[in-house]
Amino acid sequence: MIDNKHAPPARTAPPPKGGAYARQAAMLCQDSAFQLYLDRRRRFKHQLTVEQLADGTHNAEDARDWLVRACKITSRAELDSNQAACQTFRMIRNRFNRWRAKQKGDKSQ
């Protein structure tokens, strides 16, 4: 007979640790240009004026919240283990980089 009174507690899987994509996502959310991108993206999507949604509205926490919702995850750490979320993140990052390049091009003219 097995004595279950002295058995070690059942282990639950530890939460995923953040790898390269999680670190990239954290840096992206801290980037003031990405936060501005989210302001302008939301303004365009919802047809708002600058008075209704001013530049500088999104902060790092807002960016993080938006990113995890967009990627359908609960933590940026999941980006390194969830292929669909990682693909969504890469798409978001690429769109942001194109937007940023266009902004820099518009300013030089």
Protein backbone atom coordinates (compact mmCIF):
# COMPACT_ATOMS: atom_id res chain seq x y z
CA MET A 1 0.00 0.00 0.00
CA ILE A 2 1.28 3.48 -0.91
CA ASP A 3 1.30 6.11 1.81
CA ASN A 4 0.00 9.33 0.18
CA LYS A 5 0.33 11.34 3.39
CA HIS A 6 4.03 11.83 2.80
CA ALA A 7 3.96 12.26 -0.98
CA PRO A 8 5.35 15.55 -2.30
CA PRO A 9 2.72 18.05 -3.48
CA ALA A 10 1.81 17.92 -7.13
CA ARG A 11 3.79 20.37 -9.21
CA THR A 12 2.19 22.85 -11.49
CA ALA A 13 4.00 24.05 -14.56
CA PRO A 14 5.93 27.25 -13.87
CA PRO A 15 4.89 30.29 -15.84
CA PRO A 16 6.92 30.70 -19.03
CA LYS A 17 10.04 32.81 -18.68
CA GLY A 18 10.57 35.62 -21.08
CA GLY A 19 12.99 35.02 -23.91
CA ALA A 20 14.09 37.18 -26.81
CA TYR A 21 10.61 38.07 -28.06
CA ALA A 22 9.37 38.95 -24.57
CA ARG A 23 12.35 41.26 -24.09
CA GLN A 24 11.77 42.85 -27.51
CA ALA A 25 8.12 43.39 -26.62
CA ALA A 26 9.04 44.99 -23.30
CA MET A 27 11.44 47.38 -25.04
CA LEU A 28 8.83 48.16 -27.69
CA CYS A 29 6.23 49.05 -25.04
CA GLN A 30 8.76 51.40 -23.37
CA ASP A 31 9.44 53.17 -26.67
CA SER A 32 7.73 56.57 -26.75
CA ALA A 33 7.49 56.32 -30.55
CA PHE A 34 5.47 53.08 -30.20
CA GLN A 35 3.21 54.78 -27.66
CA LEU A 36 2.68 57.63 -30.12
CA TYR A 37 1.97 55.07 -32.85
CA LEU A 38 -0.77 53.60 -30.65
CA ASP A 39 -2.24 57.07 -30.09
CA ARG A 40 -2.38 57.77 -33.80
CA ARG A 41 -3.55 54.27 -34.68
CA ARG A 42 -6.44 54.52 -32.23
CA ARG A 43 -7.32 58.03 -33.41
CA PHE A 44 -7.44 56.84 -37.02
CA LYS A 45 -9.34 53.64 -36.24
CA HIS A 46 -12.03 55.41 -34.20
CA GLN A 47 -12.04 58.62 -36.29
CA LEU A 48 -11.13 60.79 -33.32
CA THR A 49 -9.65 64.27 -33.36
CA VAL A 50 -6.43 65.30 -31.62
CA GLU A 51 -8.62 67.05 -29.04
CA GLN A 52 -10.45 63.78 -28.35
CA LEU A 53 -7.27 61.70 -28.12
CA ALA A 54 -4.10 63.73 -27.76
CA ASP A 55 -0.61 62.54 -28.60
CA GLY A 56 1.02 61.20 -25.44
CA THR A 57 -2.13 59.45 -24.22
CA HIS A 58 -0.65 55.93 -24.24
CA ASN A 59 2.08 55.09 -21.74
CA ALA A 60 4.21 51.95 -21.31
CA GLU A 61 1.52 50.18 -19.28
CA ASP A 62 -1.15 51.00 -21.88
CA ALA A 63 1.15 49.72 -24.61
CA ARG A 64 1.71 46.48 -22.69
CA ASP A 65 -2.02 46.02 -22.13
CA TRP A 66 -2.77 46.67 -25.80
CA LEU A 67 -0.04 44.30 -26.97
CA VAL A 68 -1.12 41.35 -24.82
CA ARG A 69 -4.74 41.83 -25.92
CA ALA A 70 -3.73 42.05 -29.58
CA CYS A 71 -1.60 38.90 -29.26
CA LYS A 72 -4.30 37.10 -27.20
CA ILE A 73 -1.94 36.30 -24.32
CA THR A 74 -1.79 37.21 -20.64
CA SER A 75 1.95 37.87 -20.42
CA ARG A 76 4.62 38.98 -22.86
CA ALA A 77 6.63 35.94 -21.73
CA GLU A 78 4.19 33.80 -23.72
CA LEU A 79 5.52 35.29 -26.96
CA ASP A 80 8.45 32.87 -26.85
CA SER A 81 6.29 29.77 -26.48
CA ASN A 82 3.09 30.66 -28.39
CA GLN A 83 3.71 30.59 -32.13
CA ALA A 84 0.50 32.42 -33.09
CA ALA A 85 1.15 35.18 -30.56
CA CYS A 86 4.73 35.51 -31.74
CA GLN A 87 3.57 35.84 -35.35
CA THR A 88 1.09 38.55 -34.34
CA PHE A 89 3.82 40.36 -32.39
CA ARG A 90 6.18 40.28 -35.37
CA MET A 91 3.41 41.67 -37.60
CA ILE A 92 2.72 44.50 -35.11
CA ARG A 93 6.42 45.28 -34.82
CA ASN A 94 6.81 45.34 -38.61
CA ARG A 95 3.82 47.67 -39.05
CA PHE A 96 5.21 49.97 -36.37
CA ASN A 97 8.65 49.99 -38.00
CA ARG A 98 7.11 50.89 -41.38
CA TRP A 99 5.10 53.67 -39.73
CA ARG A 100 8.20 54.98 -37.95
CA ALA A 101 10.25 54.94 -41.17
CA LYS A 102 7.47 56.86 -42.93
CA GLN A 103 7.38 59.42 -40.10
CA LYS A 104 11.12 59.96 -40.40
CA GLY A 105 10.79 60.28 -44.19
CA ASP A 106 7.99 62.85 -43.86
CA LYS A 107 10.09 64.99 -41.51
CA SER A 108 13.10 65.09 -43.83
CA GLN A 109 11.11 66.58 -46.72
